Amino acid sequence: MFNILSQLTTAFRFKKNNLKILKLISEGLDELEVTFELINSWKDVDKAKGSTLDMMGKEIGQPRGQATDEIYRLLIKGKMLSVSSKGDINTIINIISTIFNVEPSEFDIQELYTEGRPAMLKINKIPLDAVVEAGMTGDELVFLIKQSVAGGVGLDSIELDGTFEFVETLEQGSDIGFA
C-alpha cells in the first residue's frame, strides 16, 4: 500500500475527508502496482501466456502454428538462441542444453565429414526424458535443431537416449509411454 499519509503534513493528516480520499487513491495505486508487476512478468518468456507469447514470437519471426504455450516457449527460446547462433558445434550444444535443461556431456554432436559426408551433423544421445518432459514431438525437435545449424549444413539424424513403454490406452498411464 502506498504510504500517502506519511507524505502529508500534520495539518492535513488527521482530517476525516482527507483520509477517505487518500484511502481511495491509495487503493487505486495498489491495483495499478499489481497490474504493472503482471505486465513485467509477461515480458519473461517463461511466464508469458497466449497472445503475449504470440507477440513475442512475431517479434523474432517464430510462427506458432499449432504449438501449445509450453512448446511455443521452447521454440521462441530456440529461435532467440539461433538468431545469435554462429552455427558452430559449441553453439548448437549450448542451444540443446539450454532448451532441454541437460548437461552438454549428456549428448554428443558428430561431424560426418570423416565419413565422406561434408556439411552433415549427427546428434547422439539426447535424453529422451528431457524431450518428453518438454512435450515436444519429433518434428518439433528436428525443426528446433535445424534452425540452429549454419546455413548449408544438414542434419543426418538425431538419436534419443532412454527407454519408453507402449500402452494400449491413456488410462493405463500416459506418464510411462506413448499411447
Foldseek 3Di string as FASTA:
>chain_A
DDPVLVVDDPVQNPDPVSVVVVVVVVVVVVVVVVVVVLVVQCVDLVRNADVSLCVLCVVLVHHCPPPHSLLSSLLSLLSVLLVPAPQDPVSLLVSLCVSLVHDSVQKDKDQCVVVVDHLEIEIGADEPVSCVVSVDDPVSVLVSSVSNHDPPHYYPYYYYDDDADDDDDCVVPVPGHHD
